[in-house]
Amino acid sequence: MLMDAQPRMKKLHMYPKRIASTNTMHSSTHLYR
């Protein structure tokens, strides 16, 4: 159970970072444009 739950937790932690990075990239492109 613990081994199965750990990967899910890691994935959940990784998603927010990815979304934040994409948001910053989009905002930067809009600012530059």
PDB file of N, CA and C in Angstrom:
ATOM      1  N   MET A   1       0.842  -1.207   0.000  1.00  0.00           N
ATOM      2  CA  MET A   1       0.000   0.000   0.000  1.00  0.00           C
ATOM      3  C   MET A   1       0.879   1.260   0.000  1.00  0.00           C
ATOM      4  N   LEU A   2       1.875   1.270   0.883  1.00  0.00           N
ATOM      5  CA  LEU A   2       2.735   2.459   0.967  1.00  0.00           C
ATOM      6  C   LEU A   2       3.476   2.678  -0.353  1.00  0.00           C
ATOM      7  N   MET A   3       4.006   1.585  -0.913  1.00  0.00           N
ATOM      8  CA  MET A   3       4.749   1.701  -2.168  1.00  0.00           C
ATOM      9  C   MET A   3       3.837   2.185  -3.292  1.00  0.00           C
ATOM     10  N   ASP A   4       2.572   1.784  -3.256  1.00  0.00           N
ATOM     11  CA  ASP A   4       1.635   2.199  -4.295  1.00  0.00           C
ATOM     12  C   ASP A   4       1.214   3.654  -4.109  1.00  0.00           C
ATOM     13  N   ALA A   5       1.192   4.103  -2.847  1.00  0.00           N
ATOM     14  CA  ALA A   5       0.745   5.470  -2.555  1.00  0.00           C
ATOM     15  C   ALA A   5       1.859   6.481  -2.825  1.00  0.00           C
ATOM     16  N   GLN A   6       3.104   6.083  -2.612  1.00  0.00           N
ATOM     17  CA  GLN A   6       4.219   7.022  -2.795  1.00  0.00           C
ATOM     18  C   GLN A   6       4.294   7.600  -4.214  1.00  0.00           C
ATOM     19  N   PRO A   7       4.280   6.771  -5.262  1.00  0.00           N
ATOM     20  CA  PRO A   7       4.340   7.301  -6.628  1.00  0.00           C
ATOM     21  C   PRO A   7       3.218   8.295  -6.905  1.00  0.00           C
ATOM     22  N   ARG A   8       2.021   8.005  -6.407  1.00  0.00           N
ATOM     23  CA  ARG A   8       0.892   8.912  -6.644  1.00  0.00           C
ATOM     24  C   ARG A   8       1.165  10.270  -6.006  1.00  0.00           C
ATOM     25  N   MET A   9       1.692  10.239  -4.774  1.00  0.00           N
ATOM     26  CA  MET A   9       2.001  11.486  -4.078  1.00  0.00           C
ATOM     27  C   MET A   9       3.042  12.277  -4.869  1.00  0.00           C
ATOM     28  N   LYS A  10       4.062  11.583  -5.343  1.00  0.00           N
ATOM     29  CA  LYS A  10       5.110  12.251  -6.122  1.00  0.00           C
ATOM     30  C   LYS A  10       4.506  12.882  -7.375  1.00  0.00           C
ATOM     31  N   LYS A  11       3.648  12.155  -8.060  1.00  0.00           N
ATOM     32  CA  LYS A  11       3.015  12.677  -9.273  1.00  0.00           C
ATOM     33  C   LYS A  11       2.203  13.926  -8.953  1.00  0.00           C
ATOM     34  N   LEU A  12       1.460  13.865  -7.838  1.00  0.00           N
ATOM     35  CA  LEU A  12       0.645  15.015  -7.446  1.00  0.00           C
ATOM     36  C   LEU A  12       1.532  16.220  -7.178  1.00  0.00           C
ATOM     37  N   HIS A  13       2.696  15.980  -6.573  1.00  0.00           N
ATOM     38  CA  HIS A  13       3.616  17.076  -6.268  1.00  0.00           C
ATOM     39  C   HIS A  13       4.235  17.635  -7.548  1.00  0.00           C
ATOM     40  N   MET A  14       4.457  16.772  -8.528  1.00  0.00           N
ATOM     41  CA  MET A  14       5.092  17.207  -9.767  1.00  0.00           C
ATOM     42  C   MET A  14       4.135  18.016 -10.642  1.00  0.00           C
ATOM     43  N   TYR A  15       2.868  17.657 -10.656  1.00  0.00           N
ATOM     44  CA  TYR A  15       1.908  18.354 -11.516  1.00  0.00           C
ATOM     45  C   TYR A  15       1.826  19.854 -11.238  1.00  0.00           C
ATOM     46  N   PRO A  16       1.667  20.279  -9.955  1.00  0.00           N
ATOM     47  CA  PRO A  16       1.577  21.716  -9.653  1.00  0.00           C
ATOM     48  C   PRO A  16       2.783  22.484 -10.177  1.00  0.00           C
ATOM     49  N   LYS A  17       3.976  21.904 -10.037  1.00  0.00           N
ATOM     50  CA  LYS A  17       5.182  22.581 -10.518  1.00  0.00           C
ATOM     51  C   LYS A  17       5.123  22.753 -12.034  1.00  0.00           C
ATOM     52  N   ARG A  18       4.682  21.717 -12.717  1.00  0.00           N
ATOM     53  CA  ARG A  18       4.600  21.771 -14.182  1.00  0.00           C
ATOM     54  C   ARG A  18       3.606  22.847 -14.609  1.00  0.00           C
ATOM     55  N   ILE A  19       2.451  22.875 -13.953  1.00  0.00           N
ATOM     56  CA  ILE A  19       1.421  23.861 -14.289  1.00  0.00           C
ATOM     57  C   ILE A  19       1.961  25.269 -14.050  1.00  0.00           C
ATOM     58  N   ALA A  20       2.650  25.457 -12.927  1.00  0.00           N
ATOM     59  CA  ALA A  20       3.197  26.778 -12.589  1.00  0.00           C
ATOM     60  C   ALA A  20       4.220  27.205 -13.640  1.00  0.00           C
ATOM     61  N   SER A  21       5.090  26.292 -14.043  1.00  0.00           N
ATOM     62  CA  SER A  21       6.123  26.619 -15.026  1.00  0.00           C
ATOM     63  C   SER A  21       5.472  26.995 -16.356  1.00  0.00           C
ATOM     64  N   THR A  22       4.451  26.254 -16.771  1.00  0.00           N
ATOM     65  CA  THR A  22       3.773  26.549 -18.035  1.00  0.00           C
ATOM     66  C   THR A  22       3.089  27.908 -17.944  1.00  0.00           C
ATOM     67  N   ASN A  23       2.475  28.197 -16.793  1.00  0.00           N
ATOM     68  CA  ASN A  23       1.796  29.481 -16.611  1.00  0.00           C
ATOM     69  C   ASN A  23       2.793  30.626 -16.727  1.00  0.00           C
ATOM     70  N   THR A  24       3.956  30.483 -16.103  1.00  0.00           N
ATOM     71  CA  THR A  24       4.970  31.533 -16.151  1.00  0.00           C
ATOM     72  C   THR A  24       5.449  31.707 -17.590  1.00  0.00           C
ATOM     73  N   MET A  25       5.636  30.609 -18.291  1.00  0.00           N
ATOM     74  CA  MET A  25       6.080  30.668 -19.678  1.00  0.00           C
ATOM     75  C   MET A  25       5.063  31.413 -20.528  1.00  0.00           C
ATOM     76  N   HIS A  26       3.784  31.100 -20.353  1.00  0.00           N
ATOM     77  CA  HIS A  26       2.730  31.750 -21.125  1.00  0.00           C
ATOM     78  C   HIS A  26       2.697  33.242 -20.820  1.00  0.00           C
ATOM     79  N   SER A  27       2.802  33.594 -19.531  1.00  0.00           N
ATOM     80  CA  SER A  27       2.758  35.000 -19.125  1.00  0.00           C
ATOM     81  C   SER A  27       3.958  35.742 -19.712  1.00  0.00           C
ATOM     82  N   SER A  28       5.134  35.110 -19.681  1.00  0.00           N
ATOM     83  CA  SER A  28       6.346  35.753 -20.196  1.00  0.00           C
ATOM     84  C   SER A  28       6.194  35.998 -21.701  1.00  0.00           C
ATOM     85  N   THR A  29       5.656  35.021 -22.422  1.00  0.00           N
ATOM     86  CA  THR A  29       5.479  35.178 -23.868  1.00  0.00           C
ATOM     87  C   THR A  29       4.507  36.324 -24.139  1.00  0.00           C
ATOM     88  N   HIS A  30       3.445  36.410 -23.343  1.00  0.00           N
ATOM     89  CA  HIS A  30       2.461  37.483 -23.535  1.00  0.00           C
ATOM     90  C   HIS A  30       3.112  38.841 -23.285  1.00  0.00           C
ATOM     91  N   LEU A  31       3.952  38.898 -22.249  1.00  0.00           N
ATOM     92  CA  LEU A  31       4.614  40.170 -21.908  1.00  0.00           C
ATOM     93  C   LEU A  31       5.573  40.572 -23.027  1.00  0.00           C
ATOM     94  N   TYR A  32       6.340  39.597 -23.519  1.00  0.00           N
ATOM     95  CA  TYR A  32       7.299  39.898 -24.579  1.00  0.00           C
ATOM     96  C   TYR A  32       6.587  40.318 -25.861  1.00  0.00           C
ATOM     97  N   ARG A  33       5.460  39.693 -26.135  1.00  0.00           N
ATOM     98  CA  ARG A  33       4.710  40.021 -27.345  1.00  0.00           C
ATOM     99  C   ARG A  33       4.101  41.409 -27.208  1.00  0.00           C
TER     100      ARG A  33
END
